[in-house]
Every structure is written in C-alpha cells, then in structure tokens.
Amino acid sequence: VLTDNETKAFLCAADDDSDGRIGVDEFQAMV
C-alpha cells in the first residue's frame, strides 16, 4: 500500500481543482 505521505503527494499532484479527489480529466492530464 502507499504510505500516507505518498498518498497525499499523489493527491496533491493530480487534484487540480483541490476538491480532495482525482477526476478522469485530472488523471488523464497527470498521465
């Protein structure tokens, strides 16, 4: 499993609109 730090860093890096979750467009942009 990802560590808490990895999980939070991943979320921060991908969550462009800061809603606390990653949408499909945010995921595609990150990839």
mmCIF file of all heavy atoms, coordinates in Angstrom:
data_MODEL
# 
_entry.id   MODEL 
# 
loop_
_atom_site.group_PDB 
_atom_site.id 
_atom_site.type_symbol 
_atom_site.label_atom_id 
_atom_site.label_alt_id 
_atom_site.label_comp_id 
_atom_site.label_asym_id 
_atom_site.label_entity_id 
_atom_site.label_seq_id 
_atom_site.pdbx_PDB_ins_code 
_atom_site.Cartn_x 
_atom_site.Cartn_y 
_atom_site.Cartn_z 
_atom_site.occupancy 
_atom_site.B_iso_or_equiv 
_atom_site.pdbx_formal_charge 
_atom_site.auth_seq_id 
_atom_site.auth_comp_id 
_atom_site.auth_asym_id 
_atom_site.auth_atom_id 
_atom_site.pdbx_PDB_model_num 
ATOM 1   N N   . VAL A 1 1  ? 0.866   -1.180 0.000   1.00 0.00 ? 1  VAL A N   1 
ATOM 2   C CA  . VAL A 1 1  ? 0.000   0.000  0.000   1.00 0.00 ? 1  VAL A CA  1 
ATOM 3   C C   . VAL A 1 1  ? 0.905   1.234  0.000   1.00 0.00 ? 1  VAL A C   1 
ATOM 4   O O   . VAL A 1 1  ? 2.055   1.178  0.445   1.00 0.00 ? 1  VAL A O   1 
ATOM 5   C CB  . VAL A 1 1  ? -0.967  0.035  1.209   1.00 0.00 ? 1  VAL A CB  1 
ATOM 6   C CG1 . VAL A 1 1  ? -1.930  -1.130 1.167   1.00 0.00 ? 1  VAL A CG1 1 
ATOM 7   C CG2 . VAL A 1 1  ? -0.223  0.089  2.517   1.00 0.00 ? 1  VAL A CG2 1 
ATOM 8   N N   . LEU A 1 2  ? 0.393   2.337  -0.512  1.00 0.00 ? 2  LEU A N   1 
ATOM 9   C CA  . LEU A 1 2  ? 1.157   3.574  -0.478  1.00 0.00 ? 2  LEU A CA  1 
ATOM 10  C C   . LEU A 1 2  ? 1.197   4.109  0.948   1.00 0.00 ? 2  LEU A C   1 
ATOM 11  O O   . LEU A 1 2  ? 0.235   3.949  1.706   1.00 0.00 ? 2  LEU A O   1 
ATOM 12  C CB  . LEU A 1 2  ? 0.529   4.627  -1.396  1.00 0.00 ? 2  LEU A CB  1 
ATOM 13  C CG  . LEU A 1 2  ? 0.520   4.315  -2.900  1.00 0.00 ? 2  LEU A CG  1 
ATOM 14  C CD1 . LEU A 1 2  ? -0.150  5.466  -3.668  1.00 0.00 ? 2  LEU A CD1 1 
ATOM 15  C CD2 . LEU A 1 2  ? 1.906   4.068  -3.430  1.00 0.00 ? 2  LEU A CD2 1 
ATOM 16  N N   . THR A 1 3  ? 2.293   4.757  1.299   1.00 0.00 ? 3  THR A N   1 
ATOM 17  C CA  . THR A 1 3  ? 2.379   5.391  2.615   1.00 0.00 ? 3  THR A CA  1 
ATOM 18  C C   . THR A 1 3  ? 1.450   6.602  2.637   1.00 0.00 ? 3  THR A C   1 
ATOM 19  O O   . THR A 1 3  ? 1.009   7.083  1.580   1.00 0.00 ? 3  THR A O   1 
ATOM 20  C CB  . THR A 1 3  ? 3.817   5.845  2.922   1.00 0.00 ? 3  THR A CB  1 
ATOM 21  O OG1 . THR A 1 3  ? 4.172   6.885  2.007   1.00 0.00 ? 3  THR A OG1 1 
ATOM 22  C CG2 . THR A 1 3  ? 4.812   4.693  2.832   1.00 0.00 ? 3  THR A CG2 1 
ATOM 23  N N   . ASP A 1 4  ? 1.182   7.128  3.816   1.00 0.00 ? 4  ASP A N   1 
ATOM 24  C CA  . ASP A 1 4  ? 0.352   8.332  3.920   1.00 0.00 ? 4  ASP A CA  1 
ATOM 25  C C   . ASP A 1 4  ? 0.981   9.483  3.150   1.00 0.00 ? 4  ASP A C   1 
ATOM 26  O O   . ASP A 1 4  ? 0.274   10.243 2.471   1.00 0.00 ? 4  ASP A O   1 
ATOM 27  C CB  . ASP A 1 4  ? 0.139   8.718  5.382   1.00 0.00 ? 4  ASP A CB  1 
ATOM 28  C CG  . ASP A 1 4  ? -0.800  7.758  6.105   1.00 0.00 ? 4  ASP A CG  1 
ATOM 29  O OD1 . ASP A 1 4  ? -1.526  6.991  5.434   1.00 0.00 ? 4  ASP A OD1 1 
ATOM 30  O OD2 . ASP A 1 4  ? -0.799  7.773  7.354   1.00 0.00 ? 4  ASP A OD2 1 
ATOM 31  N N   . ASN A 1 5  ? 2.309   9.626  3.253   1.00 0.00 ? 5  ASN A N   1 
ATOM 32  C CA  . ASN A 1 5  ? 2.997   10.708 2.532   1.00 0.00 ? 5  ASN A CA  1 
ATOM 33  C C   . ASN A 1 5  ? 2.862   10.552 1.024   1.00 0.00 ? 5  ASN A C   1 
ATOM 34  O O   . ASN A 1 5  ? 2.620   11.526 0.309   1.00 0.00 ? 5  ASN A O   1 
ATOM 35  C CB  . ASN A 1 5  ? 4.485   10.754 2.907   1.00 0.00 ? 5  ASN A CB  1 
ATOM 36  C CG  . ASN A 1 5  ? 4.710   11.302 4.301   1.00 0.00 ? 5  ASN A CG  1 
ATOM 37  O OD1 . ASN A 1 5  ? 3.853   11.971 4.863   1.00 0.00 ? 5  ASN A OD1 1 
ATOM 38  N ND2 . ASN A 1 5  ? 5.871   11.006 4.862   1.00 0.00 ? 5  ASN A ND2 1 
ATOM 39  N N   . GLU A 1 6  ? 3.028   9.321  0.528   1.00 0.00 ? 6  GLU A N   1 
ATOM 40  C CA  . GLU A 1 6  ? 2.897   9.071  -0.915  1.00 0.00 ? 6  GLU A CA  1 
ATOM 41  C C   . GLU A 1 6  ? 1.479   9.342  -1.386  1.00 0.00 ? 6  GLU A C   1 
ATOM 42  O O   . GLU A 1 6  ? 1.262   9.942  -2.447  1.00 0.00 ? 6  GLU A O   1 
ATOM 43  C CB  . GLU A 1 6  ? 3.269   7.620  -1.240  1.00 0.00 ? 6  GLU A CB  1 
ATOM 44  C CG  . GLU A 1 6  ? 4.733   7.313  -1.111  1.00 0.00 ? 6  GLU A CG  1 
ATOM 45  C CD  . GLU A 1 6  ? 5.041   5.837  -1.208  1.00 0.00 ? 6  GLU A CD  1 
ATOM 46  O OE1 . GLU A 1 6  ? 4.279   5.004  -0.660  1.00 0.00 ? 6  GLU A OE1 1 
ATOM 47  O OE2 . GLU A 1 6  ? 6.065   5.497  -1.834  1.00 0.00 ? 6  GLU A OE2 1 
ATOM 48  N N   . THR A 1 7  ? 0.508   8.902  -0.598  1.00 0.00 ? 7  THR A N   1 
ATOM 49  C CA  . THR A 1 7  ? -0.898  9.093  -0.952  1.00 0.00 ? 7  THR A CA  1 
ATOM 50  C C   . THR A 1 7  ? -1.232  10.580 -1.043  1.00 0.00 ? 7  THR A C   1 
ATOM 51  O O   . THR A 1 7  ? -1.841  11.042 -2.011  1.00 0.00 ? 7  THR A O   1 
ATOM 52  C CB  . THR A 1 7  ? -1.815  8.403  0.086   1.00 0.00 ? 7  THR A CB  1 
ATOM 53  O OG1 . THR A 1 7  ? -1.471  7.018  0.158   1.00 0.00 ? 7  THR A OG1 1 
ATOM 54  C CG2 . THR A 1 7  ? -3.266  8.534  -0.289  1.00 0.00 ? 7  THR A CG2 1 
ATOM 55  N N   . LYS A 1 8  ? -0.813  11.339 -0.035  1.00 0.00 ? 8  LYS A N   1 
ATOM 56  C CA  . LYS A 1 8  ? -1.097  12.786 -0.017  1.00 0.00 ? 8  LYS A CA  1 
ATOM 57  C C   . LYS A 1 8  ? -0.359  13.505 -1.151  1.00 0.00 ? 8  LYS A C   1 
ATOM 58  O O   . LYS A 1 8  ? -0.916  14.395 -1.801  1.00 0.00 ? 8  LYS A O   1 
ATOM 59  C CB  . LYS A 1 8  ? -0.742  13.384 1.337   1.00 0.00 ? 8  LYS A CB  1 
ATOM 60  C CG  . LYS A 1 8  ? -1.699  12.933 2.433   1.00 0.00 ? 8  LYS A CG  1 
ATOM 61  C CD  . LYS A 1 8  ? -1.388  13.548 3.766   1.00 0.00 ? 8  LYS A CD  1 
ATOM 62  C CE  . LYS A 1 8  ? -2.193  12.987 4.909   1.00 0.00 ? 8  LYS A CE  1 
ATOM 63  N NZ  . LYS A 1 8  ? -3.551  12.640 4.669   1.00 0.00 ? 8  LYS A NZ  1 
ATOM 64  N N   . ALA A 1 9  ? 0.886   13.124 -1.422  1.00 0.00 ? 9  ALA A N   1 
ATOM 65  C CA  . ALA A 1 9  ? 1.658   13.747 -2.505  1.00 0.00 ? 9  ALA A CA  1 
ATOM 66  C C   . ALA A 1 9  ? 1.018   13.448 -3.863  1.00 0.00 ? 9  ALA A C   1 
ATOM 67  O O   . ALA A 1 9  ? 0.930   14.329 -4.727  1.00 0.00 ? 9  ALA A O   1 
ATOM 68  C CB  . ALA A 1 9  ? 3.102   13.262 -2.478  1.00 0.00 ? 9  ALA A CB  1 
ATOM 69  N N   . PHE A 1 10 ? 0.560   12.215 -4.054  1.00 0.00 ? 10 PHE A N   1 
ATOM 70  C CA  . PHE A 1 10 ? -0.107  11.817 -5.294  1.00 0.00 ? 10 PHE A CA  1 
ATOM 71  C C   . PHE A 1 10 ? -1.376  12.645 -5.478  1.00 0.00 ? 10 PHE A C   1 
ATOM 72  O O   . PHE A 1 10 ? -1.617  13.223 -6.545  1.00 0.00 ? 10 PHE A O   1 
ATOM 73  C CB  . PHE A 1 10 ? -0.426  10.320 -5.218  1.00 0.00 ? 10 PHE A CB  1 
ATOM 74  C CG  . PHE A 1 10 ? -0.878  9.662  -6.486  1.00 0.00 ? 10 PHE A CG  1 
ATOM 75  C CD1 . PHE A 1 10 ? -0.983  8.279  -6.528  1.00 0.00 ? 10 PHE A CD1 1 
ATOM 76  C CD2 . PHE A 1 10 ? -1.191  10.363 -7.642  1.00 0.00 ? 10 PHE A CD2 1 
ATOM 77  C CE1 . PHE A 1 10 ? -1.393  7.620  -7.681  1.00 0.00 ? 10 PHE A CE1 1 
ATOM 78  C CE2 . PHE A 1 10 ? -1.610  9.716  -8.807  1.00 0.00 ? 10 PHE A CE2 1 
ATOM 79  C CZ  . PHE A 1 10 ? -1.713  8.344  -8.815  1.00 0.00 ? 10 PHE A CZ  1 
ATOM 80  N N   . LEU A 1 11 ? -2.171  12.735 -4.426  1.00 0.00 ? 11 LEU A N   1 
ATOM 81  C CA  . LEU A 1 11 ? -3.415  13.508 -4.490  1.00 0.00 ? 11 LEU A CA  1 
ATOM 82  C C   . LEU A 1 11 ? -3.128  14.974 -4.800  1.00 0.00 ? 11 LEU A C   1 
ATOM 83  O O   . LEU A 1 11 ? -3.773  15.569 -5.662  1.00 0.00 ? 11 LEU A O   1 
ATOM 84  C CB  . LEU A 1 11 ? -4.184  13.363 -3.172  1.00 0.00 ? 11 LEU A CB  1 
ATOM 85  C CG  . LEU A 1 11 ? -5.579  13.978 -3.134  1.00 0.00 ? 11 LEU A CG  1 
ATOM 86  C CD1 . LEU A 1 11 ? -6.482  13.343 -4.183  1.00 0.00 ? 11 LEU A CD1 1 
ATOM 87  C CD2 . LEU A 1 11 ? -6.191  13.798 -1.757  1.00 0.00 ? 11 LEU A CD2 1 
ATOM 88  N N   . CYS A 1 12 ? -2.150  15.548 -4.119  1.00 0.00 ? 12 CYS A N   1 
ATOM 89  C CA  . CYS A 1 12 ? -1.786  16.962 -4.347  1.00 0.00 ? 12 CYS A CA  1 
ATOM 90  C C   . CYS A 1 12 ? -1.342  17.196 -5.792  1.00 0.00 ? 12 CYS A C   1 
ATOM 91  O O   . CYS A 1 12 ? -1.706  18.201 -6.399  1.00 0.00 ? 12 CYS A O   1 
ATOM 92  C CB  . CYS A 1 12 ? -0.649  17.363 -3.424  1.00 0.00 ? 12 CYS A CB  1 
ATOM 93  S SG  . CYS A 1 12 ? -1.194  18.245 -1.989  1.00 0.00 ? 12 CYS A SG  1 
ATOM 94  N N   . ALA A 1 13 ? -0.555  16.275 -6.322  1.00 0.00 ? 13 ALA A N   1 
ATOM 95  C CA  . ALA A 1 13 ? -0.011  16.428 -7.674  1.00 0.00 ? 13 ALA A CA  1 
ATOM 96  C C   . ALA A 1 13 ? -1.094  16.346 -8.752  1.00 0.00 ? 13 ALA A C   1 
ATOM 97  O O   . ALA A 1 13 ? -0.995  17.001 -9.785  1.00 0.00 ? 13 ALA A O   1 
ATOM 98  C CB  . ALA A 1 13 ? 1.051   15.365 -7.933  1.00 0.00 ? 13 ALA A CB  1 
ATOM 99  N N   . ALA A 1 14 ? -2.136  15.570 -8.499  1.00 0.00 ? 14 ALA A N   1 
ATOM 100 C CA  . ALA A 1 14 ? -3.149  15.348 -9.535  1.00 0.00 ? 14 ALA A CA  1 
ATOM 101 C C   . ALA A 1 14 ? -4.428  16.149 -9.350  1.00 0.00 ? 14 ALA A C   1 
ATOM 102 O O   . ALA A 1 14 ? -5.144  16.394 -10.318 1.00 0.00 ? 14 ALA A O   1 
ATOM 103 C CB  . ALA A 1 14 ? -3.494  13.863 -9.588  1.00 0.00 ? 14 ALA A CB  1 
ATOM 104 N N   . ASP A 1 15 ? -4.733  16.566 -8.137  1.00 0.00 ? 15 ASP A N   1 
ATOM 105 C CA  . ASP A 1 15 ? -6.004  17.216 -7.813  1.00 0.00 ? 15 ASP A CA  1 
ATOM 106 C C   . ASP A 1 15 ? -5.957  18.707 -8.150  1.00 0.00 ? 15 ASP A C   1 
ATOM 107 O O   . ASP A 1 15 ? -5.787  19.546 -7.274  1.00 0.00 ? 15 ASP A O   1 
ATOM 108 C CB  . ASP A 1 15 ? -6.320  16.990 -6.329  1.00 0.00 ? 15 ASP A CB  1 
ATOM 109 C CG  . ASP A 1 15 ? -7.662  17.565 -5.916  1.00 0.00 ? 15 ASP A CG  1 
ATOM 110 O OD1 . ASP A 1 15 ? -8.516  17.811 -6.800  1.00 0.00 ? 15 ASP A OD1 1 
ATOM 111 O OD2 . ASP A 1 15 ? -7.860  17.774 -4.710  1.00 0.00 ? 15 ASP A OD2 1 
ATOM 112 N N   . ASP A 1 16 ? -6.136  19.019 -9.425  1.00 0.00 ? 16 ASP A N   1 
ATOM 113 C CA  . ASP A 1 16 ? -6.013  20.408 -9.896  1.00 0.00 ? 16 ASP A CA  1 
ATOM 114 C C   . ASP A 1 16 ? -7.059  21.358 -9.315  1.00 0.00 ? 16 ASP A C   1 
ATOM 115 O O   . ASP A 1 16 ? -6.801  22.542 -9.153  1.00 0.00 ? 16 ASP A O   1 
ATOM 116 C CB  . ASP A 1 16 ? -6.078  20.461 -11.429 1.00 0.00 ? 16 ASP A CB  1 
ATOM 117 C CG  . ASP A 1 16 ? -4.877  19.803 -12.082 1.00 0.00 ? 16 ASP A CG  1 
ATOM 118 O OD1 . ASP A 1 16 ? -3.801  19.741 -11.439 1.00 0.00 ? 16 ASP A OD1 1 
ATOM 119 O OD2 . ASP A 1 16 ? -5.013  19.334 -13.222 1.00 0.00 ? 16 ASP A OD2 1 
ATOM 120 N N   . ASP A 1 17 ? -8.258  20.850 -9.037  1.00 0.00 ? 17 ASP A N   1 
ATOM 121 C CA  . ASP A 1 17 ? -9.312  21.742 -8.532  1.00 0.00 ? 17 ASP A CA  1 
ATOM 122 C C   . ASP A 1 17 ? -9.451  21.703 -7.007  1.00 0.00 ? 17 ASP A C   1 
ATOM 123 O O   . ASP A 1 17 ? -10.372 22.286 -6.455  1.00 0.00 ? 17 ASP A O   1 
ATOM 124 C CB  . ASP A 1 17 ? -10.655 21.453 -9.214  1.00 0.00 ? 17 ASP A CB  1 
ATOM 125 C CG  . ASP A 1 17 ? -11.159 20.040 -8.975  1.00 0.00 ? 17 ASP A CG  1 
ATOM 126 O OD1 . ASP A 1 17 ? -10.550 19.294 -8.162  1.00 0.00 ? 17 ASP A OD1 1 
ATOM 127 O OD2 . ASP A 1 17 ? -12.170 19.666 -9.607  1.00 0.00 ? 17 ASP A OD2 1 
ATOM 128 N N   . SER A 1 18 ? -8.545  21.018 -6.342  1.00 0.00 ? 18 SER A N   1 
ATOM 129 C CA  . SER A 1 18 ? -8.483  20.963 -4.864  1.00 0.00 ? 18 SER A CA  1 
ATOM 130 C C   . SER A 1 18 ? -9.769  20.497 -4.197  1.00 0.00 ? 18 SER A C   1 
ATOM 131 O O   . SER A 1 18 ? -10.125 20.971 -3.127  1.00 0.00 ? 18 SER A O   1 
ATOM 132 C CB  . SER A 1 18 ? -8.079  22.337 -4.307  1.00 0.00 ? 18 SER A CB  1 
ATOM 133 O OG  . SER A 1 18 ? -6.832  22.715 -4.815  1.00 0.00 ? 18 SER A OG  1 
ATOM 134 N N   . ASP A 1 19 ? -10.455 19.532 -4.835  1.00 0.00 ? 19 ASP A N   1 
ATOM 135 C CA  . ASP A 1 19 ? -11.678 19.016 -4.215  1.00 0.00 ? 19 ASP A CA  1 
ATOM 136 C C   . ASP A 1 19 ? -11.434 17.739 -3.403  1.00 0.00 ? 19 ASP A C   1 
ATOM 137 O O   . ASP A 1 19 ? -12.367 17.118 -2.913  1.00 0.00 ? 19 ASP A O   1 
ATOM 138 C CB  . ASP A 1 19 ? -12.780 18.794 -5.254  1.00 0.00 ? 19 ASP A CB  1 
ATOM 139 C CG  . ASP A 1 19 ? -12.448 17.713 -6.271  1.00 0.00 ? 19 ASP A CG  1 
ATOM 140 O OD1 . ASP A 1 19 ? -11.303 17.192 -6.266  1.00 0.00 ? 19 ASP A OD1 1 
ATOM 141 O OD2 . ASP A 1 19 ? -13.339 17.382 -7.094  1.00 0.00 ? 19 ASP A OD2 1 
ATOM 142 N N   . GLY A 1 20 ? -10.156 17.354 -3.270  1.00 0.00 ? 20 GLY A N   1 
ATOM 143 C CA  . GLY A 1 20 ? -9.821  16.206 -2.452  1.00 0.00 ? 20 GLY A CA  1 
ATOM 144 C C   . GLY A 1 20 ? -9.971  14.863 -3.142  1.00 0.00 ? 20 GLY A C   1 
ATOM 145 O O   . GLY A 1 20 ? -9.950  13.817 -2.493  1.00 0.00 ? 20 GLY A O   1 
ATOM 146 N N   . ARG A 1 21 ? -10.107 14.875 -4.444  1.00 0.00 ? 21 ARG A N   1 
ATOM 147 C CA  . ARG A 1 21 ? -10.242 13.643 -5.219  1.00 0.00 ? 21 ARG A CA  1 
ATOM 148 C C   . ARG A 1 21 ? -9.753  13.894 -6.644  1.00 0.00 ? 21 ARG A C   1 
ATOM 149 O O   . ARG A 1 21 ? -9.613  15.048 -7.060  1.00 0.00 ? 21 ARG A O   1 
ATOM 150 C CB  . ARG A 1 21 ? -11.688 13.157 -5.200  1.00 0.00 ? 21 ARG A CB  1 
ATOM 151 C CG  . ARG A 1 21 ? -12.658 14.206 -5.683  1.00 0.00 ? 21 ARG A CG  1 
ATOM 152 C CD  . ARG A 1 21 ? -14.082 13.875 -5.338  1.00 0.00 ? 21 ARG A CD  1 
ATOM 153 N NE  . ARG A 1 21 ? -14.950 14.875 -5.961  1.00 0.00 ? 21 ARG A NE  1 
ATOM 154 C CZ  . ARG A 1 21 ? -16.239 14.775 -6.066  1.00 0.00 ? 21 ARG A CZ  1 
ATOM 155 N NH1 . ARG A 1 21 ? -16.848 13.709 -5.584  1.00 0.00 ? 21 ARG A NH1 1 
ATOM 156 N NH2 . ARG A 1 21 ? -16.948 15.702 -6.645  1.00 0.00 ? 21 ARG A NH2 1 
ATOM 157 N N   . ILE A 1 22 ? -9.506  12.822 -7.373  1.00 0.00 ? 22 ILE A N   1 
ATOM 158 C CA  . ILE A 1 22 ? -8.974  12.937 -8.729  1.00 0.00 ? 22 ILE A CA  1 
ATOM 159 C C   . ILE A 1 22 ? -10.048 12.512 -9.722  1.00 0.00 ? 22 ILE A C   1 
ATOM 160 O O   . ILE A 1 22 ? -10.538 11.377 -9.674  1.00 0.00 ? 22 ILE A O   1 
ATOM 161 C CB  . ILE A 1 22 ? -7.722  12.047 -8.909  1.00 0.00 ? 22 ILE A CB  1 
ATOM 162 C CG1 . ILE A 1 22 ? -6.636  12.446 -7.914  1.00 0.00 ? 22 ILE A CG1 1 
ATOM 163 C CG2 . ILE A 1 22 ? -7.200  12.132 -10.339 1.00 0.00 ? 22 ILE A CG2 1 
ATOM 164 C CD1 . ILE A 1 22 ? -5.485  11.466 -7.833  1.00 0.00 ? 22 ILE A CD1 1 
ATOM 165 N N   . GLY A 1 23 ? -10.427 13.440 -10.591 1.00 0.00 ? 23 GLY A N   1 
ATOM 166 C CA  . GLY A 1 23 ? -11.388 13.137 -11.647 1.00 0.00 ? 23 GLY A CA  1 
ATOM 167 C C   . GLY A 1 23 ? -10.669 12.585 -12.867 1.00 0.00 ? 23 GLY A C   1 
ATOM 168 O O   . GLY A 1 23 ? -9.442  12.623 -12.969 1.00 0.00 ? 23 GLY A O   1 
ATOM 169 N N   . VAL A 1 24 ? -11.451 12.095 -13.813 1.00 0.00 ? 24 VAL A N   1 
ATOM 170 C CA  . VAL A 1 24 ? -10.859 11.469 -15.000 1.00 0.00 ? 24 VAL A CA  1 
ATOM 171 C C   . VAL A 1 24 ? -9.999  12.452 -15.794 1.00 0.00 ? 24 VAL A C   1 
ATOM 172 O O   . VAL A 1 24 ? -8.925  12.092 -16.285 1.00 0.00 ? 24 VAL A O   1 
ATOM 173 C CB  . VAL A 1 24 ? -11.947 10.793 -15.884 1.00 0.00 ? 24 VAL A CB  1 
ATOM 174 C CG1 . VAL A 1 24 ? -12.880 11.824 -16.508 1.00 0.00 ? 24 VAL A CG1 1 
ATOM 175 C CG2 . VAL A 1 24 ? -11.307 9.906  -16.937 1.00 0.00 ? 24 VAL A CG2 1 
ATOM 176 N N   . ASP A 1 25 ? -10.428 13.701 -15.916 1.00 0.00 ? 25 ASP A N   1 
ATOM 177 C CA  . ASP A 1 25 ? -9.642  14.689 -16.660 1.00 0.00 ? 25 ASP A CA  1 
ATOM 178 C C   . ASP A 1 25 ? -8.332  14.990 -15.948 1.00 0.00 ? 25 ASP A C   1 
ATOM 179 O O   . ASP A 1 25 ? -7.282  15.146 -16.592 1.00 0.00 ? 25 ASP A O   1 
ATOM 180 C CB  . ASP A 1 25 ? -10.437 15.983 -16.876 1.00 0.00 ? 25 ASP A CB  1 
ATOM 181 C CG  . ASP A 1 25 ? -11.634 15.772 -17.800 1.00 0.00 ? 25 ASP A CG  1 
ATOM 182 O OD1 . ASP A 1 25 ? -11.605 14.823 -18.619 1.00 0.00 ? 25 ASP A OD1 1 
ATOM 183 O OD2 . ASP A 1 25 ? -12.599 16.548 -17.702 1.00 0.00 ? 25 ASP A OD2 1 
ATOM 184 N N   . GLU A 1 26 ? -8.374  15.072 -14.621 1.00 0.00 ? 26 GLU A N   1 
ATOM 185 C CA  . GLU A 1 26 ? -7.151  15.312 -13.839 1.00 0.00 ? 26 GLU A CA  1 
ATOM 186 C C   . GLU A 1 26 ? -6.198  14.115 -13.987 1.00 0.00 ? 26 GLU A C   1 
ATOM 187 O O   . GLU A 1 26 ? -4.984  14.300 -14.126 1.00 0.00 ? 26 GLU A O   1 
ATOM 188 C CB  . GLU A 1 26 ? -7.493  15.520 -12.365 1.00 0.00 ? 26 GLU A CB  1 
ATOM 189 C CG  . GLU A 1 26 ? -8.247  16.804 -12.114 1.00 0.00 ? 26 GLU A CG  1 
ATOM 190 C CD  . GLU A 1 26 ? -8.829  16.891 -10.705 1.00 0.00 ? 26 GLU A CD  1 
ATOM 191 O OE1 . GLU A 1 26 ? -9.345  15.870 -10.204 1.00 0.00 ? 26 GLU A OE1 1 
ATOM 192 O OE2 . GLU A 1 26 ? -8.767  17.989 -10.118 1.00 0.00 ? 26 GLU A OE2 1 
ATOM 193 N N   . PHE A 1 27 ? -6.750  12.929 -13.981 1.00 0.00 ? 27 PHE A N   1 
ATOM 194 C CA  . PHE A 1 27 ? -5.940  11.718 -14.136 1.00 0.00 ? 27 PHE A CA  1 
ATOM 195 C C   . PHE A 1 27 ? -5.277  11.701 -15.512 1.00 0.00 ? 27 PHE A C   1 
ATOM 196 O O   . PHE A 1 27 ? -4.078  11.459 -15.629 1.00 0.00 ? 27 PHE A O   1 
ATOM 197 C CB  . PHE A 1 27 ? -6.794  10.466 -13.915 1.00 0.00 ? 27 PHE A CB  1 
ATOM 198 C CG  . PHE A 1 27 ? -6.027  9.181  -13.979 1.00 0.00 ? 27 PHE A CG  1 
ATOM 199 C CD1 . PHE A 1 27 ? -5.206  8.803  -12.923 1.00 0.00 ? 27 PHE A CD1 1 
ATOM 200 C CD2 . PHE A 1 27 ? -6.121  8.329  -15.064 1.00 0.00 ? 27 PHE A CD2 1 
ATOM 201 C CE1 . PHE A 1 27 ? -4.468  7.607  -12.961 1.00 0.00 ? 27 PHE A CE1 1 
ATOM 202 C CE2 . PHE A 1 27 ? -5.418  7.145  -15.114 1.00 0.00 ? 27 PHE A CE2 1 
ATOM 203 C CZ  . PHE A 1 27 ? -4.595  6.780  -14.055 1.00 0.00 ? 27 PHE A CZ  1 
ATOM 204 N N   . GLN A 1 28 ? -6.058  11.981 -16.548 1.00 0.00 ? 28 GLN A N   1 
ATOM 205 C CA  . GLN A 1 28 ? -5.505  11.999 -17.907 1.00 0.00 ? 28 GLN A CA  1 
ATOM 206 C C   . GLN A 1 28 ? -4.410  13.046 -18.036 1.00 0.00 ? 28 GLN A C   1 
ATOM 207 O O   . GLN A 1 28 ? -3.384  12.798 -18.668 1.00 0.00 ? 28 GLN A O   1 
ATOM 208 C CB  . GLN A 1 28 ? -6.610  12.261 -18.930 1.00 0.00 ? 28 GLN A CB  1 
ATOM 209 C CG  . GLN A 1 28 ? -7.431  11.045 -19.220 1.00 0.00 ? 28 GLN A CG  1 
ATOM 210 C CD  . GLN A 1 28 ? -8.353  11.244 -20.407 1.00 0.00 ? 28 GLN A CD  1 
ATOM 211 O OE1 . GLN A 1 28 ? -9.302  12.031 -20.336 1.00 0.00 ? 28 GLN A OE1 1 
ATOM 212 N NE2 . GLN A 1 28 ? -8.088  10.537 -21.470 1.00 0.00 ? 28 GLN A NE2 1 
ATOM 213 N N   . ALA A 1 29 ? -4.611  14.210 -17.444 1.00 0.00 ? 29 ALA A N   1 
ATOM 214 C CA  . ALA A 1 29 ? -3.617  15.276 -17.511 1.00 0.00 ? 29 ALA A CA  1 
ATOM 215 C C   . ALA A 1 29 ? -2.328  14.844 -16.824 1.00 0.00 ? 29 ALA A C   1 
ATOM 216 O O   . ALA A 1 29 ? -1.229  15.086 -17.329 1.00 0.00 ? 29 ALA A O   1 
ATOM 217 C CB  . ALA A 1 29 ? -4.166  16.555 -16.874 1.00 0.00 ? 29 ALA A CB  1 
ATOM 218 N N   . MET A 1 30 ? -2.433  14.187 -15.669 1.00 0.00 ? 30 MET A N   1 
ATOM 219 C CA  . MET A 1 30 ? -1.245  13.742 -14.962 1.00 0.00 ? 30 MET A CA  1 
ATOM 220 C C   . MET A 1 30 ? -0.496  12.671 -15.749 1.00 0.00 ? 30 MET A C   1 
ATOM 221 O O   . MET A 1 30 ? 0.727   12.688 -15.811 1.00 0.00 ? 30 MET A O   1 
ATOM 222 C CB  . MET A 1 30 ? -1.599  13.215 -13.581 1.00 0.00 ? 30 MET A CB  1 
ATOM 223 C CG  . MET A 1 30 ? -0.372  12.803 -12.796 1.00 0.00 ? 30 MET A CG  1 
ATOM 224 S SD  . MET A 1 30 ? -0.774  12.298 -11.141 1.00 0.00 ? 30 MET A SD  1 
ATOM 225 C CE  . MET A 1 30 ? 0.690   12.855 -10.296 1.00 0.00 ? 30 MET A CE  1 
ATOM 226 N N   . VAL A 1 31 ? -1.224  11.747 -16.350 1.00 0.00 ? 31 VAL A N   1 
ATOM 227 C CA  . VAL A 1 31 ? -0.598  10.670 -17.107 1.00 0.00 ? 31 VAL A CA  1 
ATOM 228 C C   . VAL A 1 31 ? 0.116   11.218 -18.339 1.00 0.00 ? 31 VAL A C   1 
ATOM 229 O O   . VAL A 1 31 ? 1.214   10.785 -18.681 1.00 0.00 ? 31 VAL A O   1 
ATOM 230 C CB  . VAL A 1 31 ? -1.654  9.619  -17.537 1.00 0.00 ? 31 VAL A CB  1 
ATOM 231 C CG1 . VAL A 1 31 ? -1.096  8.663  -18.571 1.00 0.00 ? 31 VAL A CG1 1 
ATOM 232 C CG2 . VAL A 1 31 ? -2.150  8.854  -16.319 1.00 0.00 ? 31 VAL A CG2 1 
# 
